[in-house]
Amino acid sequence: MTGIGKWSAKINVLFMKLEGIVEIREHDGQYTFDFTPPERFKDVSFRYFDVYAEGDTIHGKGEASAFPGKIFEVEATFHGDTMSGKIILPFMGNKEIEIKDGHKIGD
C-alpha cells in the first residue's frame, strides 16, 4: 500500500519554515490522514476527505479550522522511505506549497 505509516515533512508557508507529522492509514481500500501540525498551529484542526492512491501518489482534499469552508488539495508521492509533494490552495489562485524532505518515521 502506498505511503502507509508515519511521516515527517517540511513545508514553507509564507515566511515560515515548518515541519509536520502525518500518519497515513488504509482500511478496506480507504485511506485516511491524521495530521499533527507544528506546535505553533496546535489549535488548528484538519479534516481530510476524497483521499485515494494512484500509483506511488496519494491525493486528497482537506480543510483547516483556521480557514472555514476553504478546501485545499494535497498530493504526496512516495519513493521507499522518502516523500515529497505539494499542497494546492485553490482559494488563493491555486498557490502551491511544496512538501519536501519527507521521510518515514514509523509504521
N, C-alpha and C. Protein backbone atom coordinates (compact mmCIF):
# COMPACT_ATOMS: atom_id res chain seq x y z
N MET A 1 0.83 -1.19 0.00
CA MET A 1 0.00 0.00 0.00
C MET A 1 0.88 1.25 0.00
N THR A 2 0.49 2.22 -0.74
CA THR A 2 1.24 3.46 -0.92
C THR A 2 1.23 4.31 0.34
N GLY A 3 2.40 4.66 0.84
CA GLY A 3 2.54 5.66 1.89
C GLY A 3 2.07 5.30 3.28
N ILE A 4 1.71 4.07 3.53
CA ILE A 4 1.20 3.69 4.85
C ILE A 4 2.31 3.89 5.89
N GLY A 5 1.97 4.55 6.98
CA GLY A 5 2.93 4.77 8.06
C GLY A 5 2.90 6.19 8.57
N LYS A 6 3.89 6.53 9.36
CA LYS A 6 4.02 7.85 9.96
C LYS A 6 5.18 8.58 9.29
N TRP A 7 4.95 9.82 8.87
CA TRP A 7 5.90 10.58 8.08
C TRP A 7 6.13 11.96 8.67
N SER A 8 7.33 12.46 8.51
CA SER A 8 7.67 13.83 8.86
C SER A 8 8.08 14.53 7.57
N ALA A 9 7.64 15.78 7.41
CA ALA A 9 8.00 16.54 6.20
C ALA A 9 8.05 18.02 6.52
N LYS A 10 8.73 18.76 5.67
CA LYS A 10 8.87 20.21 5.82
C LYS A 10 8.01 20.91 4.79
N ILE A 11 7.43 22.03 5.22
CA ILE A 11 6.69 22.90 4.31
C ILE A 11 7.07 24.34 4.63
N ASN A 12 7.11 25.15 3.60
CA ASN A 12 7.37 26.58 3.76
C ASN A 12 6.08 27.32 3.46
N VAL A 13 5.52 27.96 4.48
CA VAL A 13 4.27 28.71 4.33
C VAL A 13 4.58 30.17 4.57
N LEU A 14 4.36 30.98 3.56
CA LEU A 14 4.71 32.39 3.60
C LEU A 14 6.18 32.52 4.01
N PHE A 15 6.45 33.07 5.17
CA PHE A 15 7.85 33.25 5.58
C PHE A 15 8.24 32.29 6.69
N MET A 16 7.43 31.25 6.89
CA MET A 16 7.69 30.29 7.96
C MET A 16 8.14 28.96 7.38
N LYS A 17 9.13 28.37 8.01
CA LYS A 17 9.57 27.02 7.66
C LYS A 17 9.06 26.10 8.76
N LEU A 18 8.20 25.17 8.39
CA LEU A 18 7.52 24.33 9.37
C LEU A 18 7.79 22.86 9.10
N GLU A 19 7.62 22.06 10.14
CA GLU A 19 7.70 20.61 9.98
C GLU A 19 6.46 20.01 10.62
N GLY A 20 5.81 19.11 9.90
CA GLY A 20 4.61 18.47 10.41
C GLY A 20 4.73 16.96 10.33
N ILE A 21 3.84 16.29 11.02
CA ILE A 21 3.81 14.83 11.06
C ILE A 21 2.45 14.38 10.52
N VAL A 22 2.46 13.41 9.63
CA VAL A 22 1.21 12.84 9.14
C VAL A 22 1.28 11.32 9.25
N GLU A 23 0.19 10.75 9.72
CA GLU A 23 0.08 9.30 9.75
C GLU A 23 -0.96 8.90 8.71
N ILE A 24 -0.55 8.02 7.81
CA ILE A 24 -1.42 7.57 6.73
C ILE A 24 -1.82 6.14 7.01
N ARG A 25 -3.13 5.89 6.96
CA ARG A 25 -3.65 4.55 7.21
C ARG A 25 -4.53 4.13 6.04
N GLU A 26 -4.70 2.83 5.92
CA GLU A 26 -5.59 2.28 4.89
C GLU A 26 -6.41 1.17 5.53
N HIS A 27 -7.71 1.19 5.27
CA HIS A 27 -8.60 0.14 5.76
C HIS A 27 -9.64 -0.14 4.68
N ASP A 28 -9.64 -1.37 4.20
CA ASP A 28 -10.59 -1.77 3.14
C ASP A 28 -10.53 -0.84 1.93
N GLY A 29 -9.32 -0.44 1.54
CA GLY A 29 -9.16 0.39 0.36
C GLY A 29 -9.39 1.88 0.59
N GLN A 30 -9.75 2.27 1.80
CA GLN A 30 -9.97 3.68 2.12
C GLN A 30 -8.76 4.23 2.87
N TYR A 31 -8.20 5.33 2.38
CA TYR A 31 -7.06 5.96 3.01
C TYR A 31 -7.53 7.08 3.95
N THR A 32 -6.81 7.25 5.06
CA THR A 32 -7.07 8.36 5.97
C THR A 32 -5.75 9.02 6.34
N PHE A 33 -5.82 10.33 6.64
CA PHE A 33 -4.68 11.10 7.12
C PHE A 33 -4.97 11.51 8.55
N ASP A 34 -3.96 11.46 9.39
CA ASP A 34 -4.03 12.03 10.73
C ASP A 34 -2.84 12.97 10.82
N PHE A 35 -3.10 14.27 10.71
CA PHE A 35 -2.04 15.27 10.63
C PHE A 35 -1.82 15.93 11.98
N THR A 36 -0.57 15.96 12.42
CA THR A 36 -0.18 16.68 13.63
C THR A 36 0.59 17.92 13.17
N PRO A 37 -0.02 19.10 13.32
CA PRO A 37 0.65 20.31 12.85
C PRO A 37 1.79 20.71 13.77
N PRO A 38 2.64 21.61 13.30
CA PRO A 38 3.70 22.14 14.15
C PRO A 38 3.09 22.80 15.40
N GLU A 39 3.87 22.88 16.45
CA GLU A 39 3.41 23.39 17.75
C GLU A 39 2.68 24.74 17.64
N ARG A 40 3.19 25.63 16.81
CA ARG A 40 2.57 26.96 16.74
C ARG A 40 1.16 26.93 16.15
N PHE A 41 0.77 25.81 15.52
CA PHE A 41 -0.57 25.67 14.96
C PHE A 41 -1.35 24.53 15.62
N LYS A 42 -1.00 24.21 16.85
CA LYS A 42 -1.60 23.06 17.55
C LYS A 42 -3.11 23.21 17.73
N ASP A 43 -3.62 24.44 17.72
CA ASP A 43 -5.05 24.65 17.92
C ASP A 43 -5.85 24.60 16.61
N VAL A 44 -5.18 24.41 15.51
CA VAL A 44 -5.86 24.31 14.21
C VAL A 44 -6.18 22.84 13.96
N SER A 45 -7.44 22.55 13.66
CA SER A 45 -7.81 21.16 13.36
C SER A 45 -7.94 21.00 11.84
N PHE A 46 -7.71 19.78 11.38
CA PHE A 46 -7.74 19.48 9.95
C PHE A 46 -8.69 18.32 9.70
N ARG A 47 -9.38 18.38 8.57
CA ARG A 47 -10.25 17.30 8.14
C ARG A 47 -9.88 16.97 6.70
N TYR A 48 -9.73 15.68 6.41
CA TYR A 48 -9.36 15.23 5.06
C TYR A 48 -10.45 14.34 4.49
N PHE A 49 -10.63 14.40 3.17
CA PHE A 49 -11.65 13.59 2.50
C PHE A 49 -11.24 13.35 1.06
N ASP A 50 -11.97 12.48 0.39
CA ASP A 50 -11.67 12.14 -1.01
C ASP A 50 -10.21 11.73 -1.18
N VAL A 51 -9.70 10.94 -0.25
CA VAL A 51 -8.30 10.51 -0.27
C VAL A 51 -8.20 9.21 -1.06
N TYR A 52 -7.29 9.15 -2.03
CA TYR A 52 -7.11 7.95 -2.83
C TYR A 52 -5.66 7.84 -3.31
N ALA A 53 -5.27 6.62 -3.63
CA ALA A 53 -3.92 6.37 -4.14
C ALA A 53 -3.99 6.14 -5.64
N GLU A 54 -2.96 6.64 -6.33
CA GLU A 54 -2.81 6.45 -7.77
C GLU A 54 -1.32 6.20 -8.00
N GLY A 55 -0.96 4.94 -8.19
CA GLY A 55 0.45 4.60 -8.31
C GLY A 55 1.17 4.86 -7.00
N ASP A 56 2.26 5.63 -7.04
CA ASP A 56 3.04 5.97 -5.84
C ASP A 56 2.59 7.29 -5.20
N THR A 57 1.46 7.82 -5.63
CA THR A 57 0.99 9.13 -5.15
C THR A 57 -0.36 9.00 -4.46
N ILE A 58 -0.48 9.70 -3.34
CA ILE A 58 -1.76 9.81 -2.65
C ILE A 58 -2.28 11.22 -2.87
N HIS A 59 -3.55 11.31 -3.24
CA HIS A 59 -4.23 12.58 -3.48
C HIS A 59 -5.34 12.71 -2.43
N GLY A 60 -5.66 13.92 -2.08
CA GLY A 60 -6.76 14.14 -1.16
C GLY A 60 -7.14 15.60 -1.09
N LYS A 61 -8.26 15.85 -0.43
CA LYS A 61 -8.73 17.20 -0.19
C LYS A 61 -8.86 17.37 1.31
N GLY A 62 -8.80 18.62 1.75
CA GLY A 62 -8.92 18.87 3.17
C GLY A 62 -9.35 20.29 3.44
N GLU A 63 -9.61 20.53 4.72
CA GLU A 63 -9.89 21.89 5.17
C GLU A 63 -9.35 22.05 6.57
N ALA A 64 -9.01 23.29 6.91
CA ALA A 64 -8.44 23.62 8.21
C ALA A 64 -9.39 24.55 8.94
N SER A 65 -9.50 24.37 10.25
CA SER A 65 -10.41 25.20 11.03
C SER A 65 -10.03 26.69 10.95
N ALA A 66 -8.78 26.99 10.63
CA ALA A 66 -8.34 28.38 10.51
C ALA A 66 -8.93 29.06 9.27
N PHE A 67 -9.38 28.26 8.28
CA PHE A 67 -9.96 28.78 7.04
C PHE A 67 -11.26 28.05 6.75
N PRO A 68 -12.31 28.29 7.54
CA PRO A 68 -13.57 27.55 7.37
C PRO A 68 -14.12 27.66 5.95
N GLY A 69 -14.52 26.53 5.42
CA GLY A 69 -15.11 26.48 4.09
C GLY A 69 -14.14 26.57 2.94
N LYS A 70 -12.85 26.69 3.22
CA LYS A 70 -11.83 26.78 2.17
C LYS A 70 -11.18 25.40 2.01
N ILE A 71 -11.33 24.83 0.84
CA ILE A 71 -10.82 23.49 0.56
C ILE A 71 -9.43 23.59 -0.07
N PHE A 72 -8.52 22.74 0.38
CA PHE A 72 -7.21 22.65 -0.24
C PHE A 72 -7.01 21.22 -0.74
N GLU A 73 -6.02 21.04 -1.59
CA GLU A 73 -5.71 19.73 -2.15
C GLU A 73 -4.30 19.34 -1.75
N VAL A 74 -4.09 18.04 -1.58
CA VAL A 74 -2.77 17.53 -1.22
C VAL A 74 -2.37 16.43 -2.19
N GLU A 75 -1.13 16.44 -2.62
CA GLU A 75 -0.54 15.36 -3.41
C GLU A 75 0.78 14.99 -2.77
N ALA A 76 0.95 13.72 -2.45
CA ALA A 76 2.20 13.25 -1.85
C ALA A 76 2.67 12.01 -2.60
N THR A 77 3.91 12.05 -3.07
CA THR A 77 4.48 10.94 -3.83
C THR A 77 5.56 10.27 -2.97
N PHE A 78 5.51 8.94 -2.95
CA PHE A 78 6.38 8.15 -2.08
C PHE A 78 7.38 7.34 -2.89
N HIS A 79 8.63 7.34 -2.41
CA HIS A 79 9.71 6.56 -3.01
C HIS A 79 10.42 5.85 -1.86
N GLY A 80 10.01 4.63 -1.56
CA GLY A 80 10.59 3.91 -0.43
C GLY A 80 10.29 4.63 0.86
N ASP A 81 11.35 5.08 1.56
CA ASP A 81 11.18 5.77 2.84
C ASP A 81 11.26 7.28 2.73
N THR A 82 11.08 7.81 1.50
CA THR A 82 11.07 9.26 1.32
C THR A 82 9.77 9.69 0.66
N MET A 83 9.45 10.98 0.82
CA MET A 83 8.19 11.50 0.31
C MET A 83 8.37 12.97 -0.06
N SER A 84 7.67 13.40 -1.10
CA SER A 84 7.62 14.81 -1.48
C SER A 84 6.23 15.07 -2.05
N GLY A 85 5.89 16.32 -2.22
CA GLY A 85 4.58 16.62 -2.76
C GLY A 85 4.26 18.09 -2.73
N LYS A 86 2.96 18.38 -2.71
CA LYS A 86 2.53 19.77 -2.69
C LYS A 86 1.13 19.89 -2.11
N ILE A 87 0.88 21.06 -1.57
CA ILE A 87 -0.44 21.46 -1.11
C ILE A 87 -0.89 22.54 -2.08
N ILE A 88 -2.09 22.39 -2.62
CA ILE A 88 -2.61 23.35 -3.60
C ILE A 88 -3.76 24.11 -2.95
N LEU A 89 -3.70 25.43 -3.02
CA LEU A 89 -4.70 26.29 -2.40
C LEU A 89 -5.55 26.96 -3.48
N PRO A 90 -6.65 26.31 -3.92
CA PRO A 90 -7.49 26.91 -4.96
C PRO A 90 -8.06 28.27 -4.56
N PHE A 91 -8.30 28.47 -3.27
CA PHE A 91 -8.87 29.74 -2.80
C PHE A 91 -7.84 30.88 -2.80
N MET A 92 -6.59 30.55 -3.15
CA MET A 92 -5.55 31.58 -3.28
C MET A 92 -4.95 31.51 -4.68
N GLY A 93 -5.79 31.33 -5.68
CA GLY A 93 -5.32 31.29 -7.06
C GLY A 93 -4.48 30.08 -7.39
N ASN A 94 -4.79 28.94 -6.78
CA ASN A 94 -4.06 27.68 -6.98
C ASN A 94 -2.59 27.77 -6.56
N LYS A 95 -2.32 28.58 -5.54
CA LYS A 95 -0.96 28.65 -5.00
C LYS A 95 -0.53 27.26 -4.55
N GLU A 96 0.72 26.91 -4.84
CA GLU A 96 1.27 25.61 -4.45
C GLU A 96 2.32 25.80 -3.36
N ILE A 97 2.20 24.96 -2.34
CA ILE A 97 3.16 24.94 -1.24
C ILE A 97 3.88 23.60 -1.32
N GLU A 98 5.19 23.66 -1.41
CA GLU A 98 5.98 22.44 -1.58
C GLU A 98 6.08 21.66 -0.26
N ILE A 99 5.90 20.35 -0.37
CA ILE A 99 6.17 19.43 0.74
C ILE A 99 7.50 18.78 0.40
N LYS A 100 8.50 18.92 1.29
CA LYS A 100 9.82 18.41 0.93
C LYS A 100 10.50 17.73 2.11
N ASP A 101 11.56 17.03 1.79
CA ASP A 101 12.36 16.32 2.80
C ASP A 101 11.52 15.38 3.65
N GLY A 102 10.48 14.81 3.06
CA GLY A 102 9.64 13.87 3.79
C GLY A 102 10.37 12.56 4.00
N HIS A 103 10.24 12.02 5.21
CA HIS A 103 10.87 10.74 5.49
C HIS A 103 10.01 9.96 6.50
N LYS A 104 10.06 8.67 6.36
CA LYS A 104 9.25 7.80 7.21
C LYS A 104 9.86 7.73 8.59
N ILE A 105 9.00 7.90 9.62
CA ILE A 105 9.47 7.85 10.99
C ILE A 105 8.80 6.74 11.81
N GLY A 106 7.88 6.01 11.17
CA GLY A 106 7.21 4.92 11.87
C GLY A 106 6.25 4.18 10.99
N ASP A 107 5.84 3.01 11.45
CA ASP A 107 4.87 2.20 10.70
C ASP A 107 3.46 2.45 11.15
